């Protein structure tokens, strides 16, 4: 299996909403597990209000399916309440994997 694509999404919680955003991200794991094209899915915390998601994919079809799937739809629903600004979502090329 060749993993050569990813998505890096950085999320900034509104003041006082960091724990709620973390809880939302924990629930996102179940949605990611249902996606056939998503190889790995990580949610992480950088600071009190800064969180992120990193996903990997074998092909562009899997990445596009994820971008139009349940997790972005759920984030769009809670985003206005939890996020200080729009998510910074970046497609990335994976150059090395262990």
PDB file of N, CA and C in Angstrom:
ATOM      1  N   UNK A   1       0.845  -1.173   0.000  1.00  0.00           N
ATOM      2  CA  UNK A   1       0.000   0.000   0.000  1.00  0.00           C
ATOM      3  C   UNK A   1       0.894   1.240   0.000  1.00  0.00           C
ATOM      4  N   UNK A   2       0.634   2.118  -0.941  1.00  0.00           N
ATOM      5  CA  UNK A   2       1.371   3.373  -1.025  1.00  0.00           C
ATOM      6  C   UNK A   2       0.510   4.503  -0.490  1.00  0.00           C
ATOM      7  N   UNK A   3       1.003   5.143   0.545  1.00  0.00           N
ATOM      8  CA  UNK A   3       0.316   6.305   1.112  1.00  0.00           C
ATOM      9  C   UNK A   3       1.099   7.529   0.666  1.00  0.00           C
ATOM     10  N   UNK A   4       0.492   8.327  -0.209  1.00  0.00           N
ATOM     11  CA  UNK A   4       1.216   9.484  -0.730  1.00  0.00           C
ATOM     12  C   UNK A   4       0.424  10.782  -0.684  1.00  0.00           C
ATOM     13  N   UNK A   5      -0.769  10.737  -0.073  1.00  0.00           N
ATOM     14  CA  UNK A   5      -1.603  11.931   0.017  1.00  0.00           C
ATOM     15  C   UNK A   5      -2.102  12.109   1.447  1.00  0.00           C
ATOM     16  N   UNK A   6      -2.346  13.363   1.797  1.00  0.00           N
ATOM     17  CA  UNK A   6      -2.880  13.631   3.121  1.00  0.00           C
ATOM     18  C   UNK A   6      -3.680  14.908   3.138  1.00  0.00           C
ATOM     19  N   UNK A   7      -4.239  15.167   4.291  1.00  0.00           N
ATOM     20  CA  UNK A   7      -4.908  16.439   4.557  1.00  0.00           C
ATOM     21  C   UNK A   7      -4.474  16.876   5.948  1.00  0.00           C
ATOM     22  N   UNK A   8      -4.075  18.116   6.067  1.00  0.00           N
ATOM     23  CA  UNK A   8      -3.768  18.728   7.352  1.00  0.00           C
ATOM     24  C   UNK A   8      -4.792  19.833   7.571  1.00  0.00           C
ATOM     25  N   UNK A   9      -5.540  19.716   8.656  1.00  0.00           N
ATOM     26  CA  UNK A   9      -6.539  20.732   8.995  1.00  0.00           C
ATOM     27  C   UNK A   9      -6.210  21.290  10.373  1.00  0.00           C
ATOM     28  N   UNK A  10      -6.051  22.599  10.459  1.00  0.00           N
ATOM     29  CA  UNK A  10      -5.803  23.268  11.730  1.00  0.00           C
ATOM     30  C   UNK A  10      -7.062  24.008  12.139  1.00  0.00           C
ATOM     31  N   UNK A  11      -7.435  23.836  13.402  1.00  0.00           N
ATOM     32  CA  UNK A  11      -8.689  24.378  13.924  1.00  0.00           C
ATOM     33  C   UNK A  11      -8.400  25.243  15.138  1.00  0.00           C
ATOM     34  N   UNK A  12      -8.968  26.417  15.167  1.00  0.00           N
ATOM     35  CA  UNK A  12      -8.801  27.339  16.294  1.00  0.00           C
ATOM     36  C   UNK A  12     -10.132  27.475  17.014  1.00  0.00           C
ATOM     37  N   UNK A  13     -10.179  26.998  18.258  1.00  0.00           N
ATOM     38  CA  UNK A  13     -11.407  27.061  19.047  1.00  0.00           C
ATOM     39  C   UNK A  13     -11.638  28.479  19.569  1.00  0.00           C
ATOM     40  N   UNK A  14     -12.903  28.809  19.725  1.00  0.00           N
ATOM     41  CA  UNK A  14     -13.245  30.059  20.388  1.00  0.00           C
ATOM     42  C   UNK A  14     -12.790  29.963  21.838  1.00  0.00           C
ATOM     43  N   UNK A  15     -12.525  31.107  22.484  1.00  0.00           N
ATOM     44  CA  UNK A  15     -12.143  31.062  23.896  1.00  0.00           C
ATOM     45  C   UNK A  15     -13.173  30.281  24.714  1.00  0.00           C
ATOM     46  N   UNK A  16     -12.686  29.376  25.542  1.00  0.00           N
ATOM     47  CA  UNK A  16     -13.549  28.576  26.389  1.00  0.00           C
ATOM     48  C   UNK A  16     -14.192  27.378  25.697  1.00  0.00           C
ATOM     49  N   UNK A  17     -13.913  27.170  24.422  1.00  0.00           N
ATOM     50  CA  UNK A  17     -14.544  26.085  23.665  1.00  0.00           C
ATOM     51  C   UNK A  17     -13.568  24.955  23.316  1.00  0.00           C
ATOM     52  N   UNK A  18     -12.351  25.020  23.823  1.00  0.00           N
ATOM     53  CA  UNK A  18     -11.347  24.020  23.483  1.00  0.00           C
ATOM     54  C   UNK A  18     -11.742  22.605  23.864  1.00  0.00           C
ATOM     55  N   UNK A  19     -12.278  22.421  25.053  1.00  0.00           N
ATOM     56  CA  UNK A  19     -12.665  21.078  25.491  1.00  0.00           C
ATOM     57  C   UNK A  19     -13.834  20.543  24.661  1.00  0.00           C
ATOM     58  N   UNK A  20     -14.751  21.418  24.278  1.00  0.00           N
ATOM     59  CA  UNK A  20     -15.862  20.990  23.428  1.00  0.00           C
ATOM     60  C   UNK A  20     -15.361  20.578  22.042  1.00  0.00           C
ATOM     61  N   UNK A  21     -14.387  21.316  21.520  1.00  0.00           N
ATOM     62  CA  UNK A  21     -13.814  20.954  20.229  1.00  0.00           C
ATOM     63  C   UNK A  21     -13.090  19.614  20.331  1.00  0.00           C
ATOM     64  N   UNK A  22     -12.355  19.407  21.418  1.00  0.00           N
ATOM     65  CA  UNK A  22     -11.668  18.126  21.620  1.00  0.00           C
ATOM     66  C   UNK A  22     -12.677  16.979  21.673  1.00  0.00           C
ATOM     67  N   UNK A  23     -13.781  17.174  22.353  1.00  0.00           N
ATOM     68  CA  UNK A  23     -14.819  16.133  22.436  1.00  0.00           C
ATOM     69  C   UNK A  23     -15.406  15.847  21.051  1.00  0.00           C
ATOM     70  N   UNK A  24     -15.628  16.889  20.278  1.00  0.00           N
ATOM     71  CA  UNK A  24     -16.119  16.710  18.911  1.00  0.00           C
ATOM     72  C   UNK A  24     -15.134  15.878  18.091  1.00  0.00           C
ATOM     73  N   UNK A  25     -13.855  16.212  18.211  1.00  0.00           N
ATOM     74  CA  UNK A  25     -12.845  15.477  17.451  1.00  0.00           C
ATOM     75  C   UNK A  25     -12.780  14.010  17.870  1.00  0.00           C
ATOM     76  N   UNK A  26     -12.920  13.737  19.150  1.00  0.00           N
ATOM     77  CA  UNK A  26     -12.920  12.344  19.609  1.00  0.00           C
ATOM     78  C   UNK A  26     -14.067  11.569  18.973  1.00  0.00           C
ATOM     79  N   UNK A  27     -15.215  12.198  18.827  1.00  0.00           N
ATOM     80  CA  UNK A  27     -16.361  11.548  18.186  1.00  0.00           C
ATOM     81  C   UNK A  27     -16.109  11.328  16.690  1.00  0.00           C
ATOM     82  N   UNK A  28     -15.276  12.172  16.095  1.00  0.00           N
ATOM     83  CA  UNK A  28     -14.975  12.055  14.671  1.00  0.00           C
ATOM     84  C   UNK A  28     -14.254  10.777  14.307  1.00  0.00           C
ATOM     85  N   UNK A  29     -13.591  10.154  15.271  1.00  0.00           N
ATOM     86  CA  UNK A  29     -12.862   8.921  14.997  1.00  0.00           C
ATOM     87  C   UNK A  29     -13.787   7.850  14.436  1.00  0.00           C
ATOM     88  N   UNK A  30     -14.979   7.716  14.991  1.00  0.00           N
ATOM     89  CA  UNK A  30     -15.931   6.708  14.516  1.00  0.00           C
ATOM     90  C   UNK A  30     -16.324   6.963  13.060  1.00  0.00           C
ATOM     91  N   UNK A  31     -16.499   8.220  12.700  1.00  0.00           N
ATOM     92  CA  UNK A  31     -16.833   8.554  11.319  1.00  0.00           C
ATOM     93  C   UNK A  31     -15.680   8.219  10.388  1.00  0.00           C
ATOM     94  N   UNK A  32     -14.459   8.537  10.798  1.00  0.00           N
ATOM     95  CA  UNK A  32     -13.284   8.247   9.973  1.00  0.00           C
ATOM     96  C   UNK A  32     -13.101   6.744   9.782  1.00  0.00           C
ATOM     97  N   UNK A  33     -13.408   5.963  10.809  1.00  0.00           N
ATOM     98  CA  UNK A  33     -13.252   4.511  10.727  1.00  0.00           C
ATOM     99  C   UNK A  33     -14.171   3.910   9.664  1.00  0.00           C
ATOM    100  N   UNK A  34     -15.262   4.570   9.349  1.00  0.00           N
ATOM    101  CA  UNK A  34     -16.201   4.080   8.342  1.00  0.00           C
ATOM    102  C   UNK A  34     -15.769   4.411   6.916  1.00  0.00           C
ATOM    103  N   UNK A  35     -14.802   5.286   6.760  1.00  0.00           N
ATOM    104  CA  UNK A  35     -14.367   5.710   5.423  1.00  0.00           C
ATOM    105  C   UNK A  35     -13.359   4.708   4.857  1.00  0.00           C
ATOM    106  N   UNK A  36     -13.719   4.060   3.777  1.00  0.00           N
ATOM    107  CA  UNK A  36     -12.845   3.058   3.180  1.00  0.00           C
ATOM    108  C   UNK A  36     -11.542   3.662   2.655  1.00  0.00           C
ATOM    109  N   UNK A  37     -11.594   4.863   2.124  1.00  0.00           N
ATOM    110  CA  UNK A  37     -10.414   5.456   1.509  1.00  0.00           C
ATOM    111  C   UNK A  37      -9.473   6.157   2.466  1.00  0.00           C
ATOM    112  N   UNK A  38      -9.880   6.327   3.729  1.00  0.00           N
ATOM    113  CA  UNK A  38      -9.025   6.984   4.711  1.00  0.00           C
ATOM    114  C   UNK A  38      -8.170   5.917   5.381  1.00  0.00           C
ATOM    115  N   UNK A  39      -6.845   6.014   5.189  1.00  0.00           N
ATOM    116  CA  UNK A  39      -5.930   5.013   5.740  1.00  0.00           C
ATOM    117  C   UNK A  39      -5.669   5.283   7.217  1.00  0.00           C
ATOM    118  N   UNK A  40      -5.292   6.511   7.545  1.00  0.00           N
ATOM    119  CA  UNK A  40      -5.080   6.898   8.943  1.00  0.00           C
ATOM    120  C   UNK A  40      -5.781   8.221   9.196  1.00  0.00           C
ATOM    121  N   UNK A  41      -6.165   8.426  10.449  1.00  0.00           N
ATOM    122  CA  UNK A  41      -6.848   9.656  10.845  1.00  0.00           C
ATOM    123  C   UNK A  41      -6.394   9.984  12.253  1.00  0.00           C
ATOM    124  N   UNK A  42      -5.846  11.159  12.425  1.00  0.00           N
ATOM    125  CA  UNK A  42      -5.361  11.607  13.731  1.00  0.00           C
ATOM    126  C   UNK A  42      -6.019  12.936  14.080  1.00  0.00           C
ATOM    127  N   UNK A  43      -6.458  13.075  15.305  1.00  0.00           N
ATOM    128  CA  UNK A  43      -6.882  14.367  15.836  1.00  0.00           C
ATOM    129  C   UNK A  43      -5.885  14.705  16.934  1.00  0.00           C
ATOM    130  N   UNK A  44      -5.448  15.956  16.984  1.00  0.00           N
ATOM    131  CA  UNK A  44      -4.417  16.322  17.942  1.00  0.00           C
ATOM    132  C   UNK A  44      -4.642  17.728  18.491  1.00  0.00           C
ATOM    133  N   UNK A  45      -3.988  17.987  19.614  1.00  0.00           N
ATOM    134  CA  UNK A  45      -4.058  19.286  20.282  1.00  0.00           C
ATOM    135  C   UNK A  45      -2.675  19.912  20.254  1.00  0.00           C
ATOM    136  N   UNK A  46      -2.605  21.169  19.821  1.00  0.00           N
ATOM    137  CA  UNK A  46      -1.350  21.899  19.772  1.00  0.00           C
ATOM    138  C   UNK A  46      -1.211  22.833  20.973  1.00  0.00           C
ATOM    139  N   UNK A  47      -2.324  23.423  21.385  1.00  0.00           N
ATOM    140  CA  UNK A  47      -2.342  24.352  22.511  1.00  0.00           C
ATOM    141  C   UNK A  47      -3.745  24.416  23.080  1.00  0.00           C
ATOM    142  N   UNK A  48      -3.968  25.356  23.980  1.00  0.00           N
ATOM    143  CA  UNK A  48      -5.269  25.456  24.646  1.00  0.00           C
ATOM    144  C   UNK A  48      -6.445  25.612  23.680  1.00  0.00           C
ATOM    145  N   UNK A  49      -6.228  26.316  22.577  1.00  0.00           N
ATOM    146  CA  UNK A  49      -7.319  26.538  21.632  1.00  0.00           C
ATOM    147  C   UNK A  49      -6.998  26.042  20.219  1.00  0.00           C
ATOM    148  N   UNK A  50      -5.814  25.512  19.999  1.00  0.00           N
ATOM    149  CA  UNK A  50      -5.410  25.066  18.668  1.00  0.00           C
ATOM    150  C   UNK A  50      -5.408  23.546  18.591  1.00  0.00           C
ATOM    151  N   UNK A  51      -6.175  23.037  17.631  1.00  0.00           N
ATOM    152  CA  UNK A  51      -6.318  21.601  17.413  1.00  0.00           C
ATOM    153  C   UNK A  51      -6.084  21.310  15.942  1.00  0.00           C
ATOM    154  N   UNK A  52      -5.968  20.047  15.623  1.00  0.00           N
ATOM    155  CA  UNK A  52      -5.785  19.698  14.224  1.00  0.00           C
ATOM    156  C   UNK A  52      -6.233  18.286  13.924  1.00  0.00           C
ATOM    157  N   UNK A  53      -6.314  18.023  12.627  1.00  0.00           N
ATOM    158  CA  UNK A  53      -6.617  16.695  12.106  1.00  0.00           C
ATOM    159  C   UNK A  53      -5.605  16.425  11.002  1.00  0.00           C
ATOM    160  N   UNK A  54      -5.069  15.207  10.991  1.00  0.00           N
ATOM    161  CA  UNK A  54      -4.190  14.779   9.900  1.00  0.00           C
ATOM    162  C   UNK A  54      -4.680  13.418   9.419  1.00  0.00           C
ATOM    163  N   UNK A  55      -4.933  13.316   8.122  1.00  0.00           N
ATOM    164  CA  UNK A  55      -5.426  12.085   7.518  1.00  0.00           C
ATOM    165  C   UNK A  55      -4.477  11.678   6.403  1.00  0.00           C
ATOM    166  N   UNK A  56      -4.454  10.374   6.094  1.00  0.00           N
ATOM    167  CA  UNK A  56      -3.682   9.909   4.945  1.00  0.00           C
ATOM    168  C   UNK A  56      -4.556   9.045   4.043  1.00  0.00           C
ATOM    169  N   UNK A  57      -4.139   8.992   2.758  1.00  0.00           N
ATOM    170  CA  UNK A  57      -4.915   8.321   1.723  1.00  0.00           C
ATOM    171  C   UNK A  57      -3.978   7.665   0.720  1.00  0.00           C
ATOM    172  N   UNK A  58      -4.473   6.603   0.069  1.00  0.00           N
ATOM    173  CA  UNK A  58      -3.719   5.921  -0.983  1.00  0.00           C
ATOM    174  C   UNK A  58      -3.884   6.596  -2.336  1.00  0.00           C
ATOM    175  N   UNK A  59      -4.999   7.285  -2.519  1.00  0.00           N
ATOM    176  CA  UNK A  59      -5.269   7.864  -3.834  1.00  0.00           C
ATOM    177  C   UNK A  59      -6.124   9.124  -3.689  1.00  0.00           C
ATOM    178  N   UNK A  60      -6.226   9.838  -4.778  1.00  0.00           N
ATOM    179  CA  UNK A  60      -6.980  11.091  -4.779  1.00  0.00           C
ATOM    180  C   UNK A  60      -8.472  10.850  -4.569  1.00  0.00           C
ATOM    181  N   UNK A  61      -8.960   9.723  -5.040  1.00  0.00           N
ATOM    182  CA  UNK A  61     -10.374   9.393  -4.853  1.00  0.00           C
ATOM    183  C   UNK A  61     -10.722   9.312  -3.358  1.00  0.00           C
ATOM    184  N   UNK A  62      -9.868   8.674  -2.578  1.00  0.00           N
ATOM    185  CA  UNK A  62     -10.091   8.578  -1.138  1.00  0.00           C
ATOM    186  C   UNK A  62     -10.040   9.932  -0.457  1.00  0.00           C
ATOM    187  N   UNK A  63      -9.087  10.748  -0.884  1.00  0.00           N
ATOM    188  CA  UNK A  63      -8.970  12.080  -0.284  1.00  0.00           C
ATOM    189  C   UNK A  63     -10.204  12.924  -0.607  1.00  0.00           C
ATOM    190  N   UNK A  64     -10.658  12.886  -1.840  1.00  0.00           N
ATOM    191  CA  UNK A  64     -11.829  13.675  -2.218  1.00  0.00           C
ATOM    192  C   UNK A  64     -13.084  13.169  -1.527  1.00  0.00           C
ATOM    193  N   UNK A  65     -13.200  11.851  -1.371  1.00  0.00           N
ATOM    194  CA  UNK A  65     -14.358  11.294  -0.660  1.00  0.00           C
ATOM    195  C   UNK A  65     -14.379  11.785   0.783  1.00  0.00           C
ATOM    196  N   UNK A  66     -13.210  11.873   1.387  1.00  0.00           N
ATOM    197  CA  UNK A  66     -13.138  12.364   2.769  1.00  0.00           C
ATOM    198  C   UNK A  66     -13.532  13.843   2.837  1.00  0.00           C
ATOM    199  N   UNK A  67     -13.023  14.634   1.911  1.00  0.00           N
ATOM    200  CA  UNK A  67     -13.306  16.077   1.909  1.00  0.00           C
ATOM    201  C   UNK A  67     -14.791  16.388   1.723  1.00  0.00           C
ATOM    202  N   UNK A  68     -15.518  15.473   1.136  1.00  0.00           N
ATOM    203  CA  UNK A  68     -16.955  15.693   0.919  1.00  0.00           C
ATOM    204  C   UNK A  68     -17.800  14.784   1.811  1.00  0.00           C
ATOM    205  N   UNK A  69     -17.178  14.185   2.818  1.00  0.00           N
ATOM    206  CA  UNK A  69     -17.854  13.197   3.649  1.00  0.00           C
ATOM    207  C   UNK A  69     -18.459  13.733   4.932  1.00  0.00           C
ATOM    208  N   UNK A  70     -18.667  12.809   5.856  1.00  0.00           N
ATOM    209  CA  UNK A  70     -19.404  13.090   7.089  1.00  0.00           C
ATOM    210  C   UNK A  70     -18.657  14.013   8.051  1.00  0.00           C
ATOM    211  N   UNK A  71     -17.345  13.892   8.127  1.00  0.00           N
ATOM    212  CA  UNK A  71     -16.599  14.717   9.098  1.00  0.00           C
ATOM    213  C   UNK A  71     -16.649  16.194   8.722  1.00  0.00           C
ATOM    214  N   UNK A  72     -16.337  16.575   7.467  1.00  0.00           N
ATOM    215  CA  UNK A  72     -16.476  17.994   7.129  1.00  0.00           C
ATOM    216  C   UNK A  72     -17.907  18.508   7.287  1.00  0.00           C
ATOM    217  N   UNK A  73     -18.889  17.662   6.989  1.00  0.00           N
ATOM    218  CA  UNK A  73     -20.291  18.083   7.158  1.00  0.00           C
ATOM    219  C   UNK A  73     -20.604  18.336   8.628  1.00  0.00           C
ATOM    220  N   UNK A  74     -20.127  17.451   9.501  1.00  0.00           N
ATOM    221  CA  UNK A  74     -20.350  17.636  10.938  1.00  0.00           C
ATOM    222  C   UNK A  74     -19.622  18.880  11.449  1.00  0.00           C
ATOM    223  N   UNK A  75     -18.402  19.096  10.951  1.00  0.00           N
ATOM    224  CA  UNK A  75     -17.639  20.276  11.369  1.00  0.00           C
ATOM    225  C   UNK A  75     -18.334  21.558  10.926  1.00  0.00           C
ATOM    226  N   UNK A  76     -18.929  21.536   9.748  1.00  0.00           N
ATOM    227  CA  UNK A  76     -19.659  22.719   9.274  1.00  0.00           C
ATOM    228  C   UNK A  76     -20.848  23.030  10.181  1.00  0.00           C
ATOM    229  N   UNK A  77     -21.430  21.995  10.769  1.00  0.00           N
ATOM    230  CA  UNK A  77     -22.573  22.181  11.663  1.00  0.00           C
ATOM    231  C   UNK A  77     -22.167  22.811  12.987  1.00  0.00           C
ATOM    232  N   UNK A  78     -21.066  22.330  13.584  1.00  0.00           N
ATOM    233  CA  UNK A  78     -20.646  22.824  14.898  1.00  0.00           C
ATOM    234  C   UNK A  78     -19.669  23.988  14.808  1.00  0.00           C
ATOM    235  N   UNK A  79     -19.083  24.186  13.642  1.00  0.00           N
ATOM    236  CA  UNK A  79     -18.068  25.213  13.464  1.00  0.00           C
ATOM    237  C   UNK A  79     -18.454  26.598  13.949  1.00  0.00           C
ATOM    238  N   UNK A  80     -19.631  27.103  13.596  1.00  0.00           N
ATOM    239  CA  UNK A  80     -19.991  28.447  14.040  1.00  0.00           C
ATOM    240  C   UNK A  80     -20.003  28.604  15.563  1.00  0.00           C
ATOM    241  N   UNK A  81     -20.315  27.543  16.280  1.00  0.00           N
ATOM    242  CA  UNK A  81     -20.354  27.605  17.740  1.00  0.00           C
ATOM    243  C   UNK A  81     -18.971  27.406  18.369  1.00  0.00           C
ATOM    244  N   UNK A  82     -18.148  26.535  17.754  1.00  0.00           N
ATOM    245  CA  UNK A  82     -16.884  26.148  18.390  1.00  0.00           C
ATOM    246  C   UNK A  82     -15.646  26.847  17.855  1.00  0.00           C
ATOM    247  N   UNK A  83     -15.657  27.252  16.587  1.00  0.00           N
ATOM    248  CA  UNK A  83     -14.429  27.748  15.952  1.00  0.00           C
ATOM    249  C   UNK A  83     -14.356  29.269  15.920  1.00  0.00           C
ATOM    250  N   UNK A  84     -13.155  29.777  16.199  1.00  0.00           N
ATOM    251  CA  UNK A  84     -12.910  31.216  16.164  1.00  0.00           C
ATOM    252  C   UNK A  84     -12.792  31.735  14.737  1.00  0.00           C
ATOM    253  N   UNK A  85     -12.420  30.833  13.807  1.00  0.00           N
ATOM    254  CA  UNK A  85     -12.287  31.199  12.390  1.00  0.00           C
ATOM    255  C   UNK A  85     -12.449  29.934  11.560  1.00  0.00           C
ATOM    256  N   UNK A  86     -12.546  30.104  10.260  1.00  0.00           N
ATOM    257  CA  UNK A  86     -12.673  28.953   9.378  1.00  0.00           C
ATOM    258  C   UNK A  86     -11.466  28.035   9.530  1.00  0.00           C
ATOM    259  N   UNK A  87     -11.671  26.725   9.399  1.00  0.00           N
ATOM    260  CA  UNK A  87     -10.540  25.795   9.479  1.00  0.00           C
ATOM    261  C   UNK A  87      -9.535  26.069   8.359  1.00  0.00           C
ATOM    262  N   UNK A  88      -8.277  25.870   8.644  1.00  0.00           N
ATOM    263  CA  UNK A  88      -7.205  25.967   7.655  1.00  0.00           C
ATOM    264  C   UNK A  88      -6.966  24.542   7.156  1.00  0.00           C
ATOM    265  N   UNK A  89      -7.532  24.208   5.999  1.00  0.00           N
ATOM    266  CA  UNK A  89      -7.468  22.851   5.464  1.00  0.00           C
ATOM    267  C   UNK A  89      -6.528  22.838   4.268  1.00  0.00           C
ATOM    268  N   UNK A  90      -5.510  21.974   4.368  1.00  0.00           N
ATOM    269  CA  UNK A  90      -4.486  21.922   3.325  1.00  0.00           C
ATOM    270  C   UNK A  90      -4.270  20.494   2.838  1.00  0.00           C
ATOM    271  N   UNK A  91      -4.397  20.267   1.533  1.00  0.00           N
ATOM    272  CA  UNK A  91      -3.972  18.980   1.010  1.00  0.00           C
ATOM    273  C   UNK A  91      -2.447  18.930   1.051  1.00  0.00           C
ATOM    274  N   UNK A  92      -1.901  17.786   1.411  1.00  0.00           N
ATOM    275  CA  UNK A  92      -0.447  17.648   1.478  1.00  0.00           C
ATOM    276  C   UNK A  92      -0.027  16.401   0.720  1.00  0.00           C
ATOM    277  N   UNK A  93       1.223  16.393   0.264  1.00  0.00           N
ATOM    278  CA  UNK A  93       1.837  15.214  -0.311  1.00  0.00           C
ATOM    279  C   UNK A  93       2.696  14.571   0.761  1.00  0.00           C
ATOM    280  N   UNK A  94       2.504  13.283   0.982  1.00  0.00           N
ATOM    281  CA  UNK A  94       3.289  12.542   1.958  1.00  0.00           C
ATOM    282  C   UNK A  94       4.567  12.089   1.264  1.00  0.00           C
ATOM    283  N   UNK A  95       5.723  12.475   1.806  1.00  0.00           N
ATOM    284  CA  UNK A  95       6.984  12.144   1.145  1.00  0.00           C
ATOM    285  C   UNK A  95       7.687  10.941   1.779  1.00  0.00           C
ATOM    286  N   UNK A  96       7.331  10.563   3.000  1.00  0.00           N
ATOM    287  CA  UNK A  96       7.927   9.391   3.627  1.00  0.00           C
ATOM    288  C   UNK A  96       6.985   8.855   4.695  1.00  0.00           C
ATOM    289  N   UNK A  97       6.936   7.538   4.810  1.00  0.00           N
ATOM    290  CA  UNK A  97       6.086   6.873   5.785  1.00  0.00           C
ATOM    291  C   UNK A  97       6.877   5.729   6.411  1.00  0.00           C
ATOM    292  N   UNK A  98       6.710   5.522   7.677  1.00  0.00           N
ATOM    293  CA  UNK A  98       7.329   4.364   8.325  1.00  0.00           C
ATOM    294  C   UNK A  98       6.263   3.338   8.575  1.00  0.00           C
TER     295      UNK A  98
END
